[in-house]
Amino acid sequence: MNDITTGTAAPSEIMAMERVERNAWLDMFLAAPTTLGAGATARWERNGAYALIAESAVPIAEFNRGFGLGVDAAMTQSDLDRAIAWLDRYAGENWSIQLPPLHGAVEIAGWLERRGLKPGGTGWARFHRPVAPLHETLSRTDLAVRQLVPGEGAHFGATVVGGFGLPEMVGPWFAALVGRPGWHIYAAYDGDMPVACGALYVAGEWAWLGCDTTLPDFRGHGAQAALIQRRVADAAALGVTALTAETGQPAPGTEHSSHSYRNYQKAGFAKAYVRPNYRRS
């Protein structure tokens, strides 16, 4: 098993990080419009041992994976076989199973490898931080950051599509999160034009930061640093005590070139662990 943990989080914190991320993504799939587009069907399944999401019309790992393994119940080999069968049936062909460093992870890694799945790529870096004031501005920007209100969902949807390069049919899906309970959605504006965005999902004492993206022509203008700072401040006002987020883990020696990775580090987030993505080789 590759670099699955760096030891900066206690098992209870890892559990909480996995749980709030899982709940955010499952609720995101619940919010999907009934008709996304030709051939598109957002599916999800959850039991105590795992969560599964699939949207083969959006063939990237974020939308096609098994995660939250062992969060609410111990994972068994039967659970793993059911998860693999479900992903084979519904997910895009490059689906993955993400393995957090919880109790039993080494044994589960062996089960995965015996079924022909191996860690692919460099994995996802999971970050966390307590909610505490950011005493200085992370980055100066001329862009205006504000929270979106119902009726402005299209601003979020269009920015997600343009920033991540996703199919147009994803726009209404993300637009549906604006005003949804638990979700706080933000955009950075150049005049009247939304050019960057980010989401805050709150579930009790923990919150998850995600959906961070910027339109290509506006990268390097400090939008994401400003969006992180705003979400940290708002999370504190909402009574949240801890935050988590994730980015792709850069290859060794290239961390300085990953803007997302560096933005979270600059905002006081510590890397808790790297979660490998198990895929068919």
C-alpha atoms as a PDB file:
ATOM      1  CA  MET A   1       0.000   0.000   0.000  1.00  0.00           C
ATOM      2  CA  ASN A   2       1.451   3.369  -0.974  1.00  0.00           C
ATOM      3  CA  ASP A   3       1.735   6.473   1.255  1.00  0.00           C
ATOM      4  CA  ILE A   4      -1.631   6.113   2.953  1.00  0.00           C
ATOM      5  CA  THR A   5      -1.026   8.253   6.024  1.00  0.00           C
ATOM      6  CA  THR A   6       1.314  10.906   7.335  1.00  0.00           C
ATOM      7  CA  GLY A   7       0.218  10.610  10.941  1.00  0.00           C
ATOM      8  CA  THR A   8      -1.142  14.136  11.457  1.00  0.00           C
ATOM      9  CA  ALA A   9      -4.694  13.022  12.293  1.00  0.00           C
ATOM     10  CA  ALA A  10      -6.081  10.805  15.033  1.00  0.00           C
ATOM     11  CA  PRO A  11      -8.311   7.868  13.994  1.00  0.00           C
ATOM     12  CA  SER A  12     -11.397   9.747  15.234  1.00  0.00           C
ATOM     13  CA  GLU A  13     -10.469  12.714  13.040  1.00  0.00           C
ATOM     14  CA  ILE A  14      -9.916  10.484  10.010  1.00  0.00           C
ATOM     15  CA  MET A  15     -13.334   8.963  10.633  1.00  0.00           C
ATOM     16  CA  ALA A  16     -14.925  12.411  10.836  1.00  0.00           C
ATOM     17  CA  MET A  17     -13.188  13.607   7.655  1.00  0.00           C
ATOM     18  CA  GLU A  18     -14.296  10.547   5.715  1.00  0.00           C
ATOM     19  CA  ARG A  19     -17.840  10.844   7.034  1.00  0.00           C
ATOM     20  CA  VAL A  20     -18.415  14.520   6.189  1.00  0.00           C
ATOM     21  CA  GLU A  21     -16.963  14.107   2.698  1.00  0.00           C
ATOM     22  CA  ARG A  22     -19.105  11.022   2.157  1.00  0.00           C
ATOM     23  CA  ASN A  23     -22.231  12.836   3.315  1.00  0.00           C
ATOM     24  CA  ALA A  24     -21.481  15.817   1.062  1.00  0.00           C
ATOM     25  CA  TRP A  25     -21.114  13.692  -2.057  1.00  0.00           C
ATOM     26  CA  LEU A  26     -24.138  11.524  -1.318  1.00  0.00           C
ATOM     27  CA  ASP A  27     -26.247  14.640  -0.792  1.00  0.00           C
ATOM     28  CA  MET A  28     -24.843  16.072  -4.023  1.00  0.00           C
ATOM     29  CA  PHE A  29     -26.049  12.958  -5.845  1.00  0.00           C
ATOM     30  CA  LEU A  30     -29.434  13.243  -4.153  1.00  0.00           C
ATOM     31  CA  ALA A  31     -29.648  16.787  -5.553  1.00  0.00           C
ATOM     32  CA  ALA A  32     -29.108  15.662  -9.148  1.00  0.00           C
ATOM     33  CA  PRO A  33     -32.009  16.644 -11.430  1.00  0.00           C
ATOM     34  CA  THR A  34     -34.102  13.708 -12.611  1.00  0.00           C
ATOM     35  CA  THR A  35     -32.963  14.282 -16.187  1.00  0.00           C
ATOM     36  CA  LEU A  36     -29.342  15.353 -16.570  1.00  0.00           C
ATOM     37  CA  GLY A  37     -28.955  14.690 -20.257  1.00  0.00           C
ATOM     38  CA  ALA A  38     -28.832  11.948 -22.851  1.00  0.00           C
ATOM     39  CA  GLY A  39     -27.570   8.746 -21.268  1.00  0.00           C
ATOM     40  CA  ALA A  40     -26.902  10.345 -17.888  1.00  0.00           C
ATOM     41  CA  THR A  41     -28.114   8.753 -14.668  1.00  0.00           C
ATOM     42  CA  ALA A  42     -26.625   9.707 -11.299  1.00  0.00           C
ATOM     43  CA  ARG A  43     -26.659   6.664  -9.023  1.00  0.00           C
ATOM     44  CA  TRP A  44     -25.564   6.054  -5.468  1.00  0.00           C
ATOM     45  CA  GLU A  45     -25.627   3.343  -2.858  1.00  0.00           C
ATOM     46  CA  ARG A  46     -24.658   3.321   0.796  1.00  0.00           C
ATOM     47  CA  ASN A  47     -24.416   0.858   3.628  1.00  0.00           C
ATOM     48  CA  GLY A  48     -22.441   1.042   6.839  1.00  0.00           C
ATOM     49  CA  ALA A  49     -19.290  -0.350   5.270  1.00  0.00           C
ATOM     50  CA  TYR A  50     -19.046   1.818   2.140  1.00  0.00           C
ATOM     51  CA  ALA A  51     -20.591   4.442  -0.120  1.00  0.00           C
ATOM     52  CA  LEU A  52     -20.734   4.256  -3.914  1.00  0.00           C
ATOM     53  CA  ILE A  53     -21.435   6.901  -6.543  1.00  0.00           C
ATOM     54  CA  ALA A  54     -21.606   6.576 -10.309  1.00  0.00           C
ATOM     55  CA  GLU A  55     -22.269   8.812 -13.280  1.00  0.00           C
ATOM     56  CA  SER A  56     -20.789   7.224 -16.383  1.00  0.00           C
ATOM     57  CA  ALA A  57     -21.616  10.330 -18.453  1.00  0.00           C
ATOM     58  CA  VAL A  58     -19.032  12.216 -16.342  1.00  0.00           C
ATOM     59  CA  PRO A  59     -16.090   9.808 -16.674  1.00  0.00           C
ATOM     60  CA  ILE A  60     -13.809  11.122 -13.933  1.00  0.00           C
ATOM     61  CA  ALA A  61     -12.890   9.517 -10.616  1.00  0.00           C
ATOM     62  CA  GLU A  62     -14.731  12.056  -8.461  1.00  0.00           C
ATOM     63  CA  PHE A  63     -18.067  10.898  -9.897  1.00  0.00           C
ATOM     64  CA  ASN A  64     -17.301   7.166 -10.137  1.00  0.00           C
ATOM     65  CA  ARG A  65     -15.885   5.617  -6.981  1.00  0.00           C
ATOM     66  CA  GLY A  66     -16.281   3.687  -3.794  1.00  0.00           C
ATOM     67  CA  PHE A  67     -15.314   5.569  -0.631  1.00  0.00           C
ATOM     68  CA  GLY A  68     -16.072   5.908   3.070  1.00  0.00           C
ATOM     69  CA  LEU A  69     -14.836   2.349   3.573  1.00  0.00           C
ATOM     70  CA  GLY A  70     -15.204   1.202   7.182  1.00  0.00           C
ATOM     71  CA  VAL A  71     -16.632   4.502   8.420  1.00  0.00           C
ATOM     72  CA  ASP A  72     -19.808   3.198  10.046  1.00  0.00           C
ATOM     73  CA  ALA A  73     -19.204  -0.563   9.949  1.00  0.00           C
ATOM     74  CA  ALA A  74     -16.309  -2.912   9.350  1.00  0.00           C
ATOM     75  CA  MET A  75     -15.711  -3.795   5.701  1.00  0.00           C
ATOM     76  CA  THR A  76     -15.973  -7.470   4.749  1.00  0.00           C
ATOM     77  CA  GLN A  77     -14.918  -9.316   1.623  1.00  0.00           C
ATOM     78  CA  SER A  78     -18.589  -9.769   0.752  1.00  0.00           C
ATOM     79  CA  ASP A  79     -19.057  -5.985   1.011  1.00  0.00           C
ATOM     80  CA  LEU A  80     -16.104  -5.491  -1.295  1.00  0.00           C
ATOM     81  CA  ASP A  81     -17.444  -7.957  -3.863  1.00  0.00           C
ATOM     82  CA  ARG A  82     -20.837  -6.201  -3.855  1.00  0.00           C
ATOM     83  CA  ALA A  83     -19.166  -2.801  -4.274  1.00  0.00           C
ATOM     84  CA  ILE A  84     -17.041  -3.974  -7.206  1.00  0.00           C
ATOM     85  CA  ALA A  85     -20.046  -5.574  -8.923  1.00  0.00           C
ATOM     86  CA  TRP A  86     -22.089  -2.371  -8.487  1.00  0.00           C
ATOM     87  CA  LEU A  87     -19.303  -0.169  -9.874  1.00  0.00           C
ATOM     88  CA  ASP A  88     -18.777  -2.500 -12.825  1.00  0.00           C
ATOM     89  CA  ARG A  89     -22.479  -2.228 -13.619  1.00  0.00           C
ATOM     90  CA  TYR A  90     -23.069   1.503 -13.208  1.00  0.00           C
ATOM     91  CA  ALA A  91     -19.828   3.484 -13.107  1.00  0.00           C
ATOM     92  CA  GLY A  92     -17.513   4.723 -15.833  1.00  0.00           C
ATOM     93  CA  GLU A  93     -14.860   2.184 -16.719  1.00  0.00           C
ATOM     94  CA  ASN A  94     -12.092   4.052 -14.864  1.00  0.00           C
ATOM     95  CA  TRP A  95     -13.823   3.860 -11.478  1.00  0.00           C
ATOM     96  CA  SER A  96     -11.770   3.595  -8.316  1.00  0.00           C
ATOM     97  CA  ILE A  97     -12.096   2.468  -4.715  1.00  0.00           C
ATOM     98  CA  GLN A  98     -10.509   4.851  -2.225  1.00  0.00           C
ATOM     99  CA  LEU A  99      -9.019   3.336   0.915  1.00  0.00           C
ATOM    100  CA  PRO A 100      -8.675   5.500   4.053  1.00  0.00           C
ATOM    101  CA  PRO A 101      -6.196   4.593   6.816  1.00  0.00           C
ATOM    102  CA  LEU A 102      -8.802   3.262   9.226  1.00  0.00           C
ATOM    103  CA  HIS A 103      -8.736   0.010  11.168  1.00  0.00           C
ATOM    104  CA  GLY A 104      -8.325  -2.947   8.823  1.00  0.00           C
ATOM    105  CA  ALA A 105      -6.943  -0.929   5.896  1.00  0.00           C
ATOM    106  CA  VAL A 106      -3.919  -3.174   5.379  1.00  0.00           C
ATOM    107  CA  GLU A 107      -6.150  -6.254   5.198  1.00  0.00           C
ATOM    108  CA  ILE A 108      -8.588  -4.533   2.813  1.00  0.00           C
ATOM    109  CA  ALA A 109      -5.662  -3.510   0.600  1.00  0.00           C
ATOM    110  CA  GLY A 110      -4.776  -7.177   0.275  1.00  0.00           C
ATOM    111  CA  TRP A 111      -8.360  -8.042  -0.674  1.00  0.00           C
ATOM    112  CA  LEU A 112      -8.328  -5.329  -3.329  1.00  0.00           C
ATOM    113  CA  GLU A 113      -5.049  -6.499  -4.821  1.00  0.00           C
ATOM    114  CA  ARG A 114      -6.208 -10.130  -4.939  1.00  0.00           C
ATOM    115  CA  ARG A 115      -9.159  -8.897  -7.009  1.00  0.00           C
ATOM    116  CA  GLY A 116      -6.880  -7.214  -9.503  1.00  0.00           C
ATOM    117  CA  LEU A 117      -7.057  -3.648  -8.144  1.00  0.00           C
ATOM    118  CA  LYS A 118      -3.878  -1.713  -7.446  1.00  0.00           C
ATOM    119  CA  PRO A 119      -3.123   1.886  -6.388  1.00  0.00           C
ATOM    120  CA  GLY A 120      -3.200   4.127  -9.448  1.00  0.00           C
ATOM    121  CA  GLY A 121      -1.610   7.554  -9.705  1.00  0.00           C
ATOM    122  CA  THR A 122      -0.515   9.472  -6.639  1.00  0.00           C
ATOM    123  CA  GLY A 123      -3.805   9.428  -4.704  1.00  0.00           C
ATOM    124  CA  TRP A 124      -5.687  12.240  -2.975  1.00  0.00           C
ATOM    125  CA  ALA A 125      -4.209  14.379  -0.222  1.00  0.00           C
ATOM    126  CA  ARG A 126      -6.694  14.870   2.620  1.00  0.00           C
ATOM    127  CA  PHE A 127      -6.302  18.080   4.658  1.00  0.00           C
ATOM    128  CA  HIS A 128      -7.769  19.247   7.943  1.00  0.00           C
ATOM    129  CA  ARG A 129      -7.600  22.206  10.287  1.00  0.00           C
ATOM    130  CA  PRO A 130      -9.418  23.488  13.350  1.00  0.00           C
ATOM    131  CA  VAL A 131     -11.687  26.456  12.778  1.00  0.00           C
ATOM    132  CA  ALA A 132      -9.565  29.364  13.932  1.00  0.00           C
ATOM    133  CA  PRO A 133      -9.255  32.887  12.557  1.00  0.00           C
ATOM    134  CA  LEU A 134      -6.972  33.541   9.627  1.00  0.00           C
ATOM    135  CA  HIS A 135      -5.101  36.517  10.996  1.00  0.00           C
ATOM    136  CA  GLU A 136      -3.884  37.792   7.648  1.00  0.00           C
ATOM    137  CA  THR A 137      -5.132  37.925   4.102  1.00  0.00           C
ATOM    138  CA  LEU A 138      -3.984  34.850   2.187  1.00  0.00           C
ATOM    139  CA  SER A 139      -3.836  36.622  -1.142  1.00  0.00           C
ATOM    140  CA  ARG A 140      -4.731  40.006  -2.538  1.00  0.00           C
ATOM    141  CA  THR A 141      -7.273  39.899  -5.318  1.00  0.00           C
ATOM    142  CA  ASP A 142      -9.348  42.347  -7.295  1.00  0.00           C
ATOM    143  CA  LEU A 143     -12.136  39.791  -7.541  1.00  0.00           C
ATOM    144  CA  ALA A 144     -15.229  40.122  -5.348  1.00  0.00           C
ATOM    145  CA  VAL A 145     -16.169  37.031  -3.318  1.00  0.00           C
ATOM    146  CA  ARG A 146     -19.725  36.526  -2.136  1.00  0.00           C
ATOM    147  CA  GLN A 147     -22.125  33.782  -1.114  1.00  0.00           C
ATOM    148  CA  LEU A 148     -24.717  32.833  -3.697  1.00  0.00           C
ATOM    149  CA  VAL A 149     -28.428  32.907  -2.931  1.00  0.00           C
ATOM    150  CA  PRO A 150     -31.352  31.009  -4.491  1.00  0.00           C
ATOM    151  CA  GLY A 151     -31.828  32.194  -8.042  1.00  0.00           C
ATOM    152  CA  GLU A 152     -28.059  32.406  -8.629  1.00  0.00           C
ATOM    153  CA  GLY A 153     -27.417  28.695  -9.003  1.00  0.00           C
ATOM    154  CA  ALA A 154     -26.622  29.075 -12.699  1.00  0.00           C
ATOM    155  CA  HIS A 155     -23.554  31.137 -11.745  1.00  0.00           C
ATOM    156  CA  PHE A 156     -22.192  28.184  -9.783  1.00  0.00           C
ATOM    157  CA  GLY A 157     -23.128  25.592 -12.377  1.00  0.00           C
ATOM    158  CA  ALA A 158     -21.519  27.501 -15.247  1.00  0.00           C
ATOM    159  CA  THR A 159     -18.313  28.084 -13.292  1.00  0.00           C
ATOM    160  CA  VAL A 160     -18.024  24.414 -12.323  1.00  0.00           C
ATOM    161  CA  VAL A 161     -18.505  23.379 -15.955  1.00  0.00           C
ATOM    162  CA  GLY A 162     -16.034  25.939 -17.298  1.00  0.00           C
ATOM    163  CA  GLY A 163     -13.429  25.498 -14.569  1.00  0.00           C
ATOM    164  CA  PHE A 164     -13.320  21.708 -14.551  1.00  0.00           C
ATOM    165  CA  GLY A 165     -14.122  21.217 -18.238  1.00  0.00           C
ATOM    166  CA  LEU A 166     -17.183  19.074 -17.474  1.00  0.00           C
ATOM    167  CA  PRO A 167     -20.147  18.336 -19.758  1.00  0.00           C
ATOM    168  CA  GLU A 168     -22.739  21.108 -19.961  1.00  0.00           C
ATOM    169  CA  MET A 169     -25.399  18.876 -18.437  1.00  0.00           C
ATOM    170  CA  VAL A 170     -23.525  19.062 -15.098  1.00  0.00           C
ATOM    171  CA  GLY A 171     -24.380  22.775 -14.765  1.00  0.00           C
ATOM    172  CA  PRO A 172     -27.994  22.371 -13.553  1.00  0.00           C
ATOM    173  CA  TRP A 173     -26.842  19.638 -11.163  1.00  0.00           C
ATOM    174  CA  PHE A 174     -24.431  21.929  -9.324  1.00  0.00           C
ATOM    175  CA  ALA A 175     -26.840  24.853  -9.616  1.00  0.00           C
ATOM    176  CA  ALA A 176     -29.278  22.799  -7.523  1.00  0.00           C
ATOM    177  CA  LEU A 177     -26.914  22.978  -4.527  1.00  0.00           C
ATOM    178  CA  VAL A 178     -27.449  26.727  -4.078  1.00  0.00           C
ATOM    179  CA  GLY A 179     -29.940  27.127  -1.246  1.00  0.00           C
ATOM    180  CA  ARG A 180     -29.953  23.397  -0.431  1.00  0.00           C
ATOM    181  CA  PRO A 181     -29.789  22.655   3.334  1.00  0.00           C
ATOM    182  CA  GLY A 182     -26.242  22.153   4.547  1.00  0.00           C
ATOM    183  CA  TRP A 183     -24.670  23.806   1.496  1.00  0.00           C
ATOM    184  CA  HIS A 184     -23.068  27.257   1.333  1.00  0.00           C
ATOM    185  CA  ILE A 185     -21.944  28.166  -2.180  1.00  0.00           C
ATOM    186  CA  TYR A 186     -19.563  30.973  -3.134  1.00  0.00           C
ATOM    187  CA  ALA A 187     -18.300  32.617  -6.285  1.00  0.00           C
ATOM    188  CA  ALA A 188     -15.601  35.148  -7.096  1.00  0.00           C
ATOM    189  CA  TYR A 189     -16.641  37.796  -9.605  1.00  0.00           C
ATOM    190  CA  ASP A 190     -14.844  39.901 -12.162  1.00  0.00           C
ATOM    191  CA  GLY A 191     -17.439  42.620 -12.426  1.00  0.00           C
ATOM    192  CA  ASP A 192     -20.719  40.768 -13.005  1.00  0.00           C
ATOM    193  CA  MET A 193     -19.038  37.609 -14.290  1.00  0.00           C
ATOM    194  CA  PRO A 194     -18.493  34.615 -11.969  1.00  0.00           C
ATOM    195  CA  VAL A 195     -14.965  33.334 -12.627  1.00  0.00           C
ATOM    196  CA  ALA A 196     -14.235  31.029  -9.670  1.00  0.00           C
ATOM    197  CA  CYS A 197     -16.220  29.093  -7.092  1.00  0.00           C
ATOM    198  CA  GLY A 198     -16.124  26.901  -4.017  1.00  0.00           C
ATOM    199  CA  ALA A 199     -18.566  25.076  -1.747  1.00  0.00           C
ATOM    200  CA  LEU A 200     -18.858  24.584   2.006  1.00  0.00           C
ATOM    201  CA  TYR A 201     -20.899  21.622   3.245  1.00  0.00           C
ATOM    202  CA  VAL A 202     -21.705  21.696   6.969  1.00  0.00           C
ATOM    203  CA  ALA A 203     -22.712  18.623   8.975  1.00  0.00           C
ATOM    204  CA  GLY A 204     -22.546  19.191  12.716  1.00  0.00           C
ATOM    205  CA  GLU A 205     -19.122  20.156  14.026  1.00  0.00           C
ATOM    206  CA  TRP A 206     -17.319  19.345  10.776  1.00  0.00           C
ATOM    207  CA  ALA A 207     -17.468  20.964   7.357  1.00  0.00           C
ATOM    208  CA  TRP A 208     -16.112  19.950   3.953  1.00  0.00           C
ATOM    209  CA  LEU A 209     -14.660  22.364   1.415  1.00  0.00           C
ATOM    210  CA  GLY A 210     -14.892  21.343  -2.224  1.00  0.00           C
ATOM    211  CA  CYS A 211     -15.888  22.213  -5.802  1.00  0.00           C
ATOM    212  CA  ASP A 212     -12.900  24.584  -5.968  1.00  0.00           C
ATOM    213  CA  THR A 213     -12.277  25.738  -9.525  1.00  0.00           C
ATOM    214  CA  THR A 214     -11.420  28.836 -11.540  1.00  0.00           C
ATOM    215  CA  LEU A 215     -12.006  29.616 -15.203  1.00  0.00           C
ATOM    216  CA  PRO A 216      -8.717  29.205 -17.119  1.00  0.00           C
ATOM    217  CA  ASP A 217      -8.341  32.892 -18.052  1.00  0.00           C
ATOM    218  CA  PHE A 218      -8.597  33.971 -14.398  1.00  0.00           C
ATOM    219  CA  ARG A 219      -6.199  31.560 -12.712  1.00  0.00           C
ATOM    220  CA  GLY A 220      -3.390  33.100 -10.734  1.00  0.00           C
ATOM    221  CA  HIS A 221      -5.513  36.061  -9.570  1.00  0.00           C
ATOM    222  CA  GLY A 222      -5.919  34.897  -5.961  1.00  0.00           C
ATOM    223  CA  ALA A 223      -9.529  33.720  -6.315  1.00  0.00           C
ATOM    224  CA  GLN A 224      -9.148  30.368  -4.581  1.00  0.00           C
ATOM    225  CA  ALA A 225      -7.168  31.753  -1.652  1.00  0.00           C
ATOM    226  CA  ALA A 226      -9.903  34.343  -1.123  1.00  0.00           C
ATOM    227  CA  LEU A 227     -12.635  31.693  -1.396  1.00  0.00           C
ATOM    228  CA  ILE A 228     -10.899  29.498   1.184  1.00  0.00           C
ATOM    229  CA  GLN A 229     -10.535  32.433   3.555  1.00  0.00           C
ATOM    230  CA  ARG A 230     -14.219  33.326   3.235  1.00  0.00           C
ATOM    231  CA  ARG A 231     -15.347  29.754   3.855  1.00  0.00           C
ATOM    232  CA  VAL A 232     -13.120  29.376   6.925  1.00  0.00           C
ATOM    233  CA  ALA A 233     -14.589  32.556   8.394  1.00  0.00           C
ATOM    234  CA  ASP A 234     -18.180  31.559   7.616  1.00  0.00           C
ATOM    235  CA  ALA A 235     -17.673  28.064   9.018  1.00  0.00           C
ATOM    236  CA  ALA A 236     -16.555  29.604  12.318  1.00  0.00           C
ATOM    237  CA  ALA A 237     -19.664  31.785  12.382  1.00  0.00           C
ATOM    238  CA  LEU A 238     -21.805  28.681  11.816  1.00  0.00           C
ATOM    239  CA  GLY A 239     -20.345  26.936  14.869  1.00  0.00           C
ATOM    240  CA  VAL A 240     -18.158  24.477  12.976  1.00  0.00           C
ATOM    241  CA  THR A 241     -15.084  23.340  14.902  1.00  0.00           C
ATOM    242  CA  ALA A 242     -13.058  21.541  12.196  1.00  0.00           C
ATOM    243  CA  LEU A 243     -12.672  21.606   8.421  1.00  0.00           C
ATOM    244  CA  THR A 244     -11.502  19.150   5.805  1.00  0.00           C
ATOM    245  CA  ALA A 245     -10.713  19.301   2.105  1.00  0.00           C
ATOM    246  CA  GLU A 246      -8.802  17.282  -0.457  1.00  0.00           C
ATOM    247  CA  THR A 247      -6.716  17.797  -3.571  1.00  0.00           C
ATOM    248  CA  GLY A 248      -4.806  15.514  -5.861  1.00  0.00           C
ATOM    249  CA  GLN A 249      -1.510  14.494  -4.249  1.00  0.00           C
ATOM    250  CA  PRO A 250       1.310  15.967  -6.363  1.00  0.00           C
ATOM    251  CA  ALA A 251       4.130  13.718  -7.464  1.00  0.00           C
ATOM    252  CA  PRO A 252       7.131  13.806  -5.092  1.00  0.00           C
ATOM    253  CA  GLY A 253       9.091  17.023  -5.459  1.00  0.00           C
ATOM    254  CA  THR A 254       6.326  18.858  -7.350  1.00  0.00           C
ATOM    255  CA  GLU A 255       4.187  20.030  -4.426  1.00  0.00           C
ATOM    256  CA  HIS A 256       5.253  23.638  -5.010  1.00  0.00           C
ATOM    257  CA  SER A 257       3.687  23.603  -8.486  1.00  0.00           C
ATOM    258  CA  SER A 258       0.209  22.511  -7.348  1.00  0.00           C
ATOM    259  CA  HIS A 259      -1.800  25.657  -6.646  1.00  0.00           C
ATOM    260  CA  SER A 260      -4.662  23.840  -4.900  1.00  0.00           C
ATOM    261  CA  TYR A 261      -2.278  21.940  -2.644  1.00  0.00           C
ATOM    262  CA  ARG A 262      -0.364  25.099  -1.726  1.00  0.00           C
ATOM    263  CA  ASN A 263      -3.509  27.183  -1.178  1.00  0.00           C
ATOM    264  CA  TYR A 264      -4.729  24.816   1.524  1.00  0.00           C
ATOM    265  CA  GLN A 265      -1.334  24.651   3.176  1.00  0.00           C
ATOM    266  CA  LYS A 266      -1.119  28.448   3.235  1.00  0.00           C
ATOM    267  CA  ALA A 267      -4.553  28.545   4.879  1.00  0.00           C
ATOM    268  CA  GLY A 268      -3.304  26.448   7.789  1.00  0.00           C
ATOM    269  CA  PHE A 269      -4.585  23.065   6.653  1.00  0.00           C
ATOM    270  CA  ALA A 270      -2.336  20.139   7.577  1.00  0.00           C
ATOM    271  CA  LYS A 271      -2.085  17.067   5.367  1.00  0.00           C
ATOM    272  CA  ALA A 272      -3.678  14.268   7.360  1.00  0.00           C
ATOM    273  CA  TYR A 273      -3.100  11.389   4.941  1.00  0.00           C
ATOM    274  CA  VAL A 274      -2.920  10.400   1.304  1.00  0.00           C
ATOM    275  CA  ARG A 275      -5.813   8.198   0.222  1.00  0.00           C
ATOM    276  CA  PRO A 276      -4.869   5.842  -2.622  1.00  0.00           C
ATOM    277  CA  ASN A 277      -7.194   5.117  -5.521  1.00  0.00           C
ATOM    278  CA  TYR A 278      -7.408   1.397  -6.254  1.00  0.00           C
ATOM    279  CA  ARG A 279      -8.110   0.642  -9.905  1.00  0.00           C
ATOM    280  CA  ARG A 280      -7.856  -2.215 -12.320  1.00  0.00           C
ATOM    281  CA  SER A 281      -4.410  -2.248 -13.867  1.00  0.00           C
END
